[in-house]
Amino acid sequence: TLYADSDTLSGSVPSEGIRIASFPFHVGRRPGGHEQPAAAPVALLIDDHRPYRLSRLHFSILRAGDGYAIGDLLSTLGTEVNGEYLGETFAKARTPLVRGQNRVVAGGIDSPYVFRVVVG
């Protein structure tokens, strides 16, 4: 289940969270008026304003064997998952989620886009 863990996301993610049943589950920025949509369908579109912190396809929640993972291949500013950095400019593009609570920050250091992913 994906929850907002910051005030910035409270209008984008319902308080009861989003129970993810279909994978991959893509999260990204709503395209601006002149931009093309992301290369893949984005399940959770978030409003962001210039200078953008989020990419149009920022991160994905994936099925990984008998567990789950976060993947970030395309974002410019990266995604932090439980203290580990992923993204275009980082060494890793994917990391497993742990059972229980996971902290996911999209958009670089001090980003207001903080999520909590709970794996049961």
N, C-alpha and C. Protein backbone atom coordinates (compact mmCIF):
# COMPACT_ATOMS: atom_id res chain seq x y z
N THR A 1 0.85 -1.18 0.00
CA THR A 1 0.00 0.00 0.00
C THR A 1 0.89 1.24 0.00
N LEU A 2 0.55 2.20 -0.84
CA LEU A 2 1.31 3.44 -0.98
C LEU A 2 0.57 4.56 -0.25
N TYR A 3 1.29 5.25 0.65
CA TYR A 3 0.72 6.35 1.43
C TYR A 3 1.52 7.62 1.18
N ALA A 4 0.86 8.77 1.36
CA ALA A 4 1.56 10.05 1.39
C ALA A 4 2.23 10.17 2.75
N ASP A 5 3.46 10.64 2.77
CA ASP A 5 4.14 10.84 4.05
C ASP A 5 4.65 12.28 4.14
N SER A 6 3.95 13.17 3.40
CA SER A 6 4.26 14.61 3.46
C SER A 6 2.98 15.37 3.13
N ASP A 7 2.90 16.59 3.62
CA ASP A 7 1.73 17.43 3.35
C ASP A 7 1.57 17.70 1.86
N THR A 8 2.68 17.81 1.14
CA THR A 8 2.64 18.09 -0.29
C THR A 8 1.84 17.04 -1.05
N LEU A 9 1.89 15.80 -0.60
CA LEU A 9 1.21 14.71 -1.31
C LEU A 9 -0.20 14.44 -0.79
N SER A 10 -0.62 15.13 0.25
CA SER A 10 -1.92 14.80 0.85
C SER A 10 -3.09 14.92 -0.13
N GLY A 11 -3.02 15.81 -1.11
CA GLY A 11 -4.08 15.93 -2.09
C GLY A 11 -3.99 14.93 -3.23
N SER A 12 -2.84 14.27 -3.37
CA SER A 12 -2.63 13.33 -4.47
C SER A 12 -2.87 11.88 -4.08
N VAL A 13 -2.65 11.56 -2.81
CA VAL A 13 -2.79 10.19 -2.31
C VAL A 13 -3.86 10.19 -1.22
N PRO A 14 -4.90 9.37 -1.36
CA PRO A 14 -5.94 9.35 -0.32
C PRO A 14 -5.36 8.92 1.04
N SER A 15 -5.97 9.39 2.13
CA SER A 15 -5.45 9.10 3.46
C SER A 15 -5.40 7.61 3.75
N GLU A 16 -6.30 6.82 3.14
CA GLU A 16 -6.28 5.36 3.34
C GLU A 16 -5.23 4.67 2.46
N GLY A 17 -4.52 5.46 1.66
CA GLY A 17 -3.47 4.92 0.81
C GLY A 17 -4.03 4.33 -0.48
N ILE A 18 -3.12 3.86 -1.31
CA ILE A 18 -3.47 3.21 -2.57
C ILE A 18 -2.98 1.77 -2.48
N ARG A 19 -3.91 0.85 -2.47
CA ARG A 19 -3.54 -0.57 -2.44
C ARG A 19 -3.17 -0.97 -3.86
N ILE A 20 -1.95 -1.40 -4.05
CA ILE A 20 -1.45 -1.70 -5.39
C ILE A 20 -1.68 -3.18 -5.68
N ALA A 21 -2.40 -3.42 -6.77
CA ALA A 21 -2.73 -4.79 -7.15
C ALA A 21 -2.22 -5.13 -8.54
N SER A 22 -1.79 -4.13 -9.29
CA SER A 22 -1.33 -4.34 -10.66
C SER A 22 0.08 -3.76 -10.81
N PHE A 23 0.98 -4.54 -11.38
CA PHE A 23 2.39 -4.14 -11.47
C PHE A 23 2.84 -4.17 -12.92
N PRO A 24 3.78 -3.30 -13.31
CA PRO A 24 4.37 -2.26 -12.49
C PRO A 24 3.39 -1.12 -12.22
N PHE A 25 3.58 -0.45 -11.10
CA PHE A 25 2.77 0.71 -10.71
C PHE A 25 3.69 1.92 -10.84
N HIS A 26 3.43 2.74 -11.86
CA HIS A 26 4.29 3.89 -12.15
C HIS A 26 3.78 5.15 -11.46
N VAL A 27 4.73 5.94 -10.95
CA VAL A 27 4.44 7.21 -10.30
C VAL A 27 5.23 8.29 -11.03
N GLY A 28 4.56 9.40 -11.35
CA GLY A 28 5.26 10.46 -12.05
C GLY A 28 4.52 11.77 -12.02
N ARG A 29 5.13 12.75 -12.67
CA ARG A 29 4.59 14.10 -12.73
C ARG A 29 3.59 14.23 -13.87
N ARG A 30 2.53 14.96 -13.61
CA ARG A 30 1.56 15.27 -14.65
C ARG A 30 2.29 16.16 -15.68
N PRO A 31 2.26 15.79 -16.97
CA PRO A 31 2.97 16.58 -17.98
C PRO A 31 2.43 18.01 -18.06
N GLY A 32 3.33 18.95 -18.32
CA GLY A 32 2.93 20.33 -18.56
C GLY A 32 2.25 20.41 -19.92
N GLY A 33 1.62 21.54 -20.21
CA GLY A 33 0.83 21.70 -21.43
C GLY A 33 1.57 21.40 -22.72
N HIS A 34 2.86 21.65 -22.79
CA HIS A 34 3.65 21.45 -24.00
C HIS A 34 4.34 20.08 -24.05
N GLU A 35 4.26 19.31 -22.99
CA GLU A 35 5.00 18.04 -22.90
C GLU A 35 4.17 16.85 -23.36
N GLN A 36 4.87 15.87 -23.87
CA GLN A 36 4.25 14.60 -24.22
C GLN A 36 4.06 13.78 -22.93
N PRO A 37 3.08 12.88 -22.91
CA PRO A 37 2.94 11.99 -21.75
C PRO A 37 4.18 11.09 -21.60
N ALA A 38 4.30 10.49 -20.44
CA ALA A 38 5.42 9.55 -20.19
C ALA A 38 5.34 8.38 -21.17
N ALA A 39 6.45 7.68 -21.31
CA ALA A 39 6.54 6.56 -22.24
C ALA A 39 5.67 5.37 -21.84
N ALA A 40 5.31 5.28 -20.58
CA ALA A 40 4.45 4.20 -20.07
C ALA A 40 3.28 4.83 -19.33
N PRO A 41 2.16 4.11 -19.21
CA PRO A 41 1.02 4.67 -18.46
C PRO A 41 1.39 4.88 -16.99
N VAL A 42 1.13 6.07 -16.49
CA VAL A 42 1.45 6.42 -15.11
C VAL A 42 0.19 6.29 -14.26
N ALA A 43 0.23 5.42 -13.26
CA ALA A 43 -0.94 5.16 -12.41
C ALA A 43 -1.22 6.29 -11.44
N LEU A 44 -0.16 6.95 -10.94
CA LEU A 44 -0.33 8.07 -10.01
C LEU A 44 0.37 9.29 -10.59
N LEU A 45 -0.45 10.23 -11.10
CA LEU A 45 0.07 11.49 -11.64
C LEU A 45 0.01 12.55 -10.56
N ILE A 46 1.14 13.23 -10.36
CA ILE A 46 1.26 14.23 -9.31
C ILE A 46 1.56 15.58 -9.95
N ASP A 47 0.87 16.61 -9.48
CA ASP A 47 1.13 17.96 -9.96
C ASP A 47 2.44 18.46 -9.37
N ASP A 48 3.27 19.06 -10.21
CA ASP A 48 4.54 19.65 -9.80
C ASP A 48 4.70 20.92 -10.64
N HIS A 49 5.49 21.85 -10.17
CA HIS A 49 5.67 23.11 -10.87
C HIS A 49 7.15 23.38 -11.06
N ARG A 50 7.47 24.16 -12.08
CA ARG A 50 8.88 24.50 -12.35
C ARG A 50 9.51 25.18 -11.16
N PRO A 51 10.74 24.94 -10.83
CA PRO A 51 11.57 23.89 -11.40
C PRO A 51 11.10 22.52 -10.91
N TYR A 52 10.90 21.61 -11.83
CA TYR A 52 10.32 20.31 -11.51
C TYR A 52 11.25 19.49 -10.62
N ARG A 53 10.66 18.85 -9.60
CA ARG A 53 11.38 17.88 -8.78
C ARG A 53 11.12 16.47 -9.30
N LEU A 54 9.94 16.28 -9.90
CA LEU A 54 9.53 14.96 -10.38
C LEU A 54 9.67 14.86 -11.89
N SER A 55 10.01 13.68 -12.35
CA SER A 55 10.02 13.37 -13.78
C SER A 55 8.64 12.84 -14.17
N ARG A 56 8.32 12.88 -15.46
CA ARG A 56 7.02 12.39 -15.90
C ARG A 56 6.83 10.91 -15.57
N LEU A 57 7.88 10.13 -15.63
CA LEU A 57 7.88 8.74 -15.16
C LEU A 57 9.01 8.67 -14.13
N HIS A 58 8.66 8.82 -12.86
CA HIS A 58 9.71 9.01 -11.86
C HIS A 58 10.19 7.69 -11.25
N PHE A 59 9.27 6.91 -10.68
CA PHE A 59 9.67 5.61 -10.14
C PHE A 59 8.53 4.62 -10.32
N SER A 60 8.87 3.35 -10.13
CA SER A 60 7.89 2.28 -10.29
C SER A 60 7.98 1.33 -9.10
N ILE A 61 6.83 0.83 -8.70
CA ILE A 61 6.79 -0.25 -7.72
C ILE A 61 6.60 -1.52 -8.54
N LEU A 62 7.50 -2.48 -8.32
CA LEU A 62 7.59 -3.68 -9.15
C LEU A 62 7.41 -4.94 -8.34
N ARG A 63 6.93 -6.00 -8.99
CA ARG A 63 6.99 -7.35 -8.42
C ARG A 63 8.39 -7.85 -8.67
N ALA A 64 9.02 -8.41 -7.67
CA ALA A 64 10.39 -8.90 -7.81
C ALA A 64 10.46 -10.27 -7.15
N GLY A 65 10.29 -11.32 -7.94
CA GLY A 65 10.29 -12.67 -7.38
C GLY A 65 9.12 -12.83 -6.43
N ASP A 66 9.42 -13.16 -5.17
CA ASP A 66 8.35 -13.30 -4.18
C ASP A 66 8.19 -12.04 -3.33
N GLY A 67 8.80 -10.93 -3.77
CA GLY A 67 8.69 -9.67 -3.04
C GLY A 67 8.41 -8.52 -3.98
N TYR A 68 8.82 -7.32 -3.55
CA TYR A 68 8.56 -6.10 -4.29
C TYR A 68 9.82 -5.25 -4.31
N ALA A 69 9.88 -4.33 -5.26
CA ALA A 69 11.05 -3.45 -5.39
C ALA A 69 10.59 -2.10 -5.91
N ILE A 70 11.49 -1.12 -5.76
CA ILE A 70 11.32 0.19 -6.38
C ILE A 70 12.34 0.27 -7.50
N GLY A 71 11.90 0.73 -8.66
CA GLY A 71 12.80 0.93 -9.78
C GLY A 71 12.75 2.37 -10.23
N ASP A 72 13.91 2.93 -10.59
CA ASP A 72 14.00 4.29 -11.11
C ASP A 72 15.06 4.28 -12.20
N LEU A 73 14.62 4.30 -13.44
CA LEU A 73 15.55 4.30 -14.57
C LEU A 73 15.65 5.66 -15.24
N LEU A 74 14.61 6.44 -15.15
CA LEU A 74 14.50 7.62 -16.00
C LEU A 74 14.52 8.96 -15.28
N SER A 75 14.37 9.00 -13.97
CA SER A 75 14.25 10.30 -13.32
C SER A 75 15.57 11.05 -13.30
N THR A 76 15.48 12.36 -13.38
CA THR A 76 16.67 13.21 -13.39
C THR A 76 17.26 13.38 -11.99
N LEU A 77 16.39 13.59 -10.98
CA LEU A 77 16.88 13.88 -9.63
C LEU A 77 16.92 12.65 -8.72
N GLY A 78 16.42 11.52 -9.19
CA GLY A 78 16.55 10.28 -8.44
C GLY A 78 15.46 10.05 -7.41
N THR A 79 15.55 8.86 -6.81
CA THR A 79 14.61 8.40 -5.79
C THR A 79 15.41 7.79 -4.66
N GLU A 80 15.08 8.19 -3.43
CA GLU A 80 15.72 7.61 -2.25
C GLU A 80 14.77 6.58 -1.65
N VAL A 81 15.27 5.38 -1.44
CA VAL A 81 14.48 4.30 -0.85
C VAL A 81 15.22 3.79 0.37
N ASN A 82 14.64 4.05 1.55
CA ASN A 82 15.26 3.59 2.80
C ASN A 82 16.73 3.99 2.89
N GLY A 83 17.05 5.21 2.45
CA GLY A 83 18.42 5.72 2.53
C GLY A 83 19.31 5.37 1.35
N GLU A 84 18.83 4.63 0.39
CA GLU A 84 19.60 4.24 -0.79
C GLU A 84 19.09 5.04 -1.99
N TYR A 85 20.02 5.55 -2.82
CA TYR A 85 19.65 6.40 -3.93
C TYR A 85 19.64 5.64 -5.25
N LEU A 86 18.59 5.89 -6.02
CA LEU A 86 18.40 5.25 -7.32
C LEU A 86 18.18 6.33 -8.37
N GLY A 87 18.45 6.00 -9.63
CA GLY A 87 18.10 6.91 -10.72
C GLY A 87 19.17 7.01 -11.77
N GLU A 88 18.91 7.90 -12.71
CA GLU A 88 19.75 8.07 -13.90
C GLU A 88 21.21 8.35 -13.54
N THR A 89 21.46 9.14 -12.51
CA THR A 89 22.83 9.53 -12.17
C THR A 89 23.43 8.71 -11.02
N PHE A 90 22.74 7.68 -10.59
CA PHE A 90 23.23 6.85 -9.48
C PHE A 90 23.59 5.45 -10.00
N ALA A 91 24.35 4.72 -9.20
CA ALA A 91 24.85 3.41 -9.62
C ALA A 91 23.76 2.35 -9.75
N LYS A 92 22.68 2.51 -9.00
CA LYS A 92 21.62 1.48 -9.01
C LYS A 92 20.33 2.04 -9.60
N ALA A 93 19.56 1.16 -10.20
CA ALA A 93 18.27 1.54 -10.77
C ALA A 93 17.11 0.86 -10.03
N ARG A 94 17.43 -0.10 -9.14
CA ARG A 94 16.37 -0.86 -8.47
C ARG A 94 16.88 -1.32 -7.11
N THR A 95 15.95 -1.36 -6.15
CA THR A 95 16.28 -1.90 -4.83
C THR A 95 15.04 -2.58 -4.26
N PRO A 96 15.23 -3.66 -3.52
CA PRO A 96 14.06 -4.36 -2.94
C PRO A 96 13.43 -3.55 -1.81
N LEU A 97 12.14 -3.74 -1.64
CA LEU A 97 11.43 -3.18 -0.50
C LEU A 97 11.46 -4.20 0.63
N VAL A 98 11.53 -3.72 1.85
CA VAL A 98 11.53 -4.61 3.01
C VAL A 98 10.10 -4.84 3.48
N ARG A 99 9.89 -5.91 4.20
CA ARG A 99 8.58 -6.19 4.79
C ARG A 99 8.31 -5.10 5.84
N GLY A 100 7.10 -4.58 5.85
CA GLY A 100 6.76 -3.49 6.77
C GLY A 100 6.89 -2.14 6.07
N GLN A 101 7.41 -1.15 6.80
CA GLN A 101 7.47 0.24 6.33
C GLN A 101 8.70 0.52 5.48
N ASN A 102 8.49 1.26 4.38
CA ASN A 102 9.57 1.71 3.51
C ASN A 102 9.38 3.19 3.24
N ARG A 103 10.45 3.95 3.31
CA ARG A 103 10.40 5.40 3.04
C ARG A 103 10.92 5.64 1.63
N VAL A 104 10.13 6.34 0.82
CA VAL A 104 10.50 6.63 -0.57
C VAL A 104 10.39 8.13 -0.78
N VAL A 105 11.50 8.75 -1.19
CA VAL A 105 11.53 10.19 -1.46
C VAL A 105 11.87 10.38 -2.93
N ALA A 106 10.96 10.99 -3.66
CA ALA A 106 11.16 11.21 -5.09
C ALA A 106 11.55 12.66 -5.33
N GLY A 107 12.62 12.88 -6.11
CA GLY A 107 12.95 14.24 -6.50
C GLY A 107 14.14 14.86 -5.81
N GLY A 108 15.03 14.07 -5.26
CA GLY A 108 16.28 14.61 -4.72
C GLY A 108 16.20 14.98 -3.25
N ILE A 109 17.32 15.44 -2.75
CA ILE A 109 17.48 15.80 -1.34
C ILE A 109 16.51 16.93 -0.99
N ASP A 110 15.89 16.81 0.16
CA ASP A 110 14.93 17.79 0.67
C ASP A 110 13.67 17.91 -0.18
N SER A 111 13.38 16.90 -0.99
CA SER A 111 12.16 16.92 -1.80
C SER A 111 10.93 16.82 -0.90
N PRO A 112 9.85 17.51 -1.26
CA PRO A 112 8.62 17.40 -0.48
C PRO A 112 7.78 16.18 -0.87
N TYR A 113 8.24 15.38 -1.82
CA TYR A 113 7.48 14.23 -2.31
C TYR A 113 7.93 12.97 -1.58
N VAL A 114 7.39 12.80 -0.37
CA VAL A 114 7.77 11.69 0.50
C VAL A 114 6.59 10.71 0.60
N PHE A 115 6.88 9.45 0.33
CA PHE A 115 5.89 8.38 0.37
C PHE A 115 6.28 7.37 1.43
N ARG A 116 5.28 6.60 1.85
CA ARG A 116 5.50 5.43 2.70
C ARG A 116 4.88 4.26 1.97
N VAL A 117 5.66 3.21 1.76
CA VAL A 117 5.16 2.00 1.11
C VAL A 117 5.19 0.90 2.15
N VAL A 118 4.03 0.31 2.41
CA VAL A 118 3.94 -0.76 3.41
C VAL A 118 3.77 -2.07 2.68
N VAL A 119 4.68 -2.99 2.96
CA VAL A 119 4.65 -4.32 2.36
C VAL A 119 4.22 -5.30 3.45
N GLY A 120 3.12 -6.01 3.20
CA GLY A 120 2.58 -6.96 4.17
C GLY A 120 3.18 -8.32 4.09
